[in-house]
Amino acid sequence: GSLLSTKCGACHGAAATAGLNVSTYADLMKGSKDGAVVISGDSANSMIVKVQSEKHFANLSDEELQLLIQWVDAGAPEK
């Protein structure tokens, strides 16, 4: 959660660009205007991983992307 808040929160915080707010776990799990961005246990089909694996405005480092993938594949636990 805090990684996404820090790296993505400027656009996907209160402003909720594309309907996605990553400020809290609950907001993140609500997804965006296009639907879920995190599919628990399935990083390959999670939009947040797809977007971050390509070029995006604020890219995660390789290490951060791996942490994100591991978190999603672990079932995206809240803590």
C-alpha atoms as a PDB file:
ATOM      1  CA  GLY A   1       0.000   0.000   0.000  1.00  0.00           C
ATOM      2  CA  SER A   2       2.549   2.608   1.029  1.00  0.00           C
ATOM      3  CA  LEU A   3       4.700   1.976  -2.062  1.00  0.00           C
ATOM      4  CA  LEU A   4       1.747   2.743  -4.312  1.00  0.00           C
ATOM      5  CA  SER A   5       0.655   5.715  -2.210  1.00  0.00           C
ATOM      6  CA  THR A   6       4.150   7.169  -2.421  1.00  0.00           C
ATOM      7  CA  LYS A   7       4.848   6.454  -6.089  1.00  0.00           C
ATOM      8  CA  CYS A   8       1.349   6.774  -7.562  1.00  0.00           C
ATOM      9  CA  GLY A   9      -0.577   8.892  -5.073  1.00  0.00           C
ATOM     10  CA  ALA A  10       0.118  12.244  -6.736  1.00  0.00           C
ATOM     11  CA  CYS A  11      -2.253  11.331  -9.583  1.00  0.00           C
ATOM     12  CA  HIS A  12      -4.138   8.408  -8.064  1.00  0.00           C
ATOM     13  CA  GLY A  13      -4.841   9.954  -4.664  1.00  0.00           C
ATOM     14  CA  ALA A  14      -7.623  12.395  -3.903  1.00  0.00           C
ATOM     15  CA  ALA A  15      -7.721  13.353  -7.592  1.00  0.00           C
ATOM     16  CA  ALA A  16      -8.396   9.688  -8.486  1.00  0.00           C
ATOM     17  CA  THR A  17      -7.153   9.896 -12.079  1.00  0.00           C
ATOM     18  CA  ALA A  18      -9.155   7.409 -14.235  1.00  0.00           C
ATOM     19  CA  GLY A  19     -11.231   6.690 -11.149  1.00  0.00           C
ATOM     20  CA  LEU A  20      -8.306   4.965  -9.395  1.00  0.00           C
ATOM     21  CA  ASN A  21      -7.359   6.018  -5.871  1.00  0.00           C
ATOM     22  CA  VAL A  22      -4.439   4.178  -4.242  1.00  0.00           C
ATOM     23  CA  SER A  23      -4.533   6.133  -0.976  1.00  0.00           C
ATOM     24  CA  THR A  24      -5.937   3.231   1.017  1.00  0.00           C
ATOM     25  CA  TYR A  25      -6.128  -0.518   0.571  1.00  0.00           C
ATOM     26  CA  ALA A  26      -9.918  -0.355   0.263  1.00  0.00           C
ATOM     27  CA  ASP A  27      -9.708   2.325  -2.439  1.00  0.00           C
ATOM     28  CA  LEU A  28      -7.061   0.370  -4.341  1.00  0.00           C
ATOM     29  CA  MET A  29      -9.136  -2.799  -4.250  1.00  0.00           C
ATOM     30  CA  LYS A  30     -12.199  -0.893  -5.568  1.00  0.00           C
ATOM     31  CA  GLY A  31     -10.243  -0.437  -8.778  1.00  0.00           C
ATOM     32  CA  SER A  32     -10.708   2.204 -11.453  1.00  0.00           C
ATOM     33  CA  LYS A  33     -13.488   3.328 -13.748  1.00  0.00           C
ATOM     34  CA  ASP A  34     -12.497   0.366 -15.941  1.00  0.00           C
ATOM     35  CA  GLY A  35     -12.772  -2.199 -13.155  1.00  0.00           C
ATOM     36  CA  ALA A  36     -10.426  -4.021 -10.822  1.00  0.00           C
ATOM     37  CA  VAL A  37      -6.727  -3.186 -11.054  1.00  0.00           C
ATOM     38  CA  VAL A  38      -5.614  -5.921  -8.646  1.00  0.00           C
ATOM     39  CA  ILE A  39      -6.702  -9.531  -9.175  1.00  0.00           C
ATOM     40  CA  SER A  40      -5.713 -11.293  -5.984  1.00  0.00           C
ATOM     41  CA  GLY A  41      -3.277 -14.109  -6.722  1.00  0.00           C
ATOM     42  CA  ASP A  42      -3.029 -13.274 -10.434  1.00  0.00           C
ATOM     43  CA  SER A  43      -0.390 -10.667 -11.217  1.00  0.00           C
ATOM     44  CA  ALA A  44      -0.314 -11.606 -14.915  1.00  0.00           C
ATOM     45  CA  ASN A  45      -3.895 -10.400 -15.346  1.00  0.00           C
ATOM     46  CA  SER A  46      -3.821  -7.532 -12.844  1.00  0.00           C
ATOM     47  CA  MET A  47      -4.108  -4.187 -14.626  1.00  0.00           C
ATOM     48  CA  ILE A  48      -1.790  -2.481 -12.138  1.00  0.00           C
ATOM     49  CA  VAL A  49       1.019  -4.910 -13.052  1.00  0.00           C
ATOM     50  CA  LYS A  50       0.303  -4.652 -16.787  1.00  0.00           C
ATOM     51  CA  VAL A  51       0.407  -0.847 -16.674  1.00  0.00           C
ATOM     52  CA  GLN A  52       3.564  -0.745 -14.580  1.00  0.00           C
ATOM     53  CA  SER A  53       5.272  -3.319 -16.805  1.00  0.00           C
ATOM     54  CA  GLU A  54       4.859  -0.973 -19.758  1.00  0.00           C
ATOM     55  CA  LYS A  55       5.708   2.705 -19.973  1.00  0.00           C
ATOM     56  CA  HIS A  56       3.602   4.761 -17.573  1.00  0.00           C
ATOM     57  CA  PHE A  57       3.927   8.279 -16.215  1.00  0.00           C
ATOM     58  CA  ALA A  58       5.404   7.074 -12.926  1.00  0.00           C
ATOM     59  CA  ASN A  59       7.161   3.780 -13.343  1.00  0.00           C
ATOM     60  CA  LEU A  60       8.162   1.599 -10.453  1.00  0.00           C
ATOM     61  CA  SER A  61      11.769   0.455 -10.363  1.00  0.00           C
ATOM     62  CA  ASP A  62      12.413  -3.183 -11.301  1.00  0.00           C
ATOM     63  CA  GLU A  63      12.690  -4.026  -7.604  1.00  0.00           C
ATOM     64  CA  GLU A  64       9.442  -2.238  -6.777  1.00  0.00           C
ATOM     65  CA  LEU A  65       7.660  -3.960  -9.665  1.00  0.00           C
ATOM     66  CA  GLN A  66       8.848  -7.343  -8.373  1.00  0.00           C
ATOM     67  CA  LEU A  67       7.525  -6.463  -4.902  1.00  0.00           C
ATOM     68  CA  LEU A  68       4.185  -5.522  -6.461  1.00  0.00           C
ATOM     69  CA  ILE A  69       4.022  -8.802  -8.417  1.00  0.00           C
ATOM     70  CA  GLN A  70       4.948 -10.839  -5.327  1.00  0.00           C
ATOM     71  CA  TRP A  71       2.296  -9.023  -3.279  1.00  0.00           C
ATOM     72  CA  VAL A  72      -0.453  -9.641  -5.855  1.00  0.00           C
ATOM     73  CA  ASP A  73       0.564 -13.293  -6.318  1.00  0.00           C
ATOM     74  CA  ALA A  74       0.519 -13.740  -2.524  1.00  0.00           C
ATOM     75  CA  GLY A  75      -3.166 -12.822  -2.592  1.00  0.00           C
ATOM     76  CA  ALA A  76      -2.754  -9.056  -2.170  1.00  0.00           C
ATOM     77  CA  PRO A  77      -3.007  -9.133   1.644  1.00  0.00           C
ATOM     78  CA  GLU A  78      -3.900  -5.854   3.317  1.00  0.00           C
ATOM     79  CA  LYS A  79      -0.897  -5.994   5.661  1.00  0.00           C
END
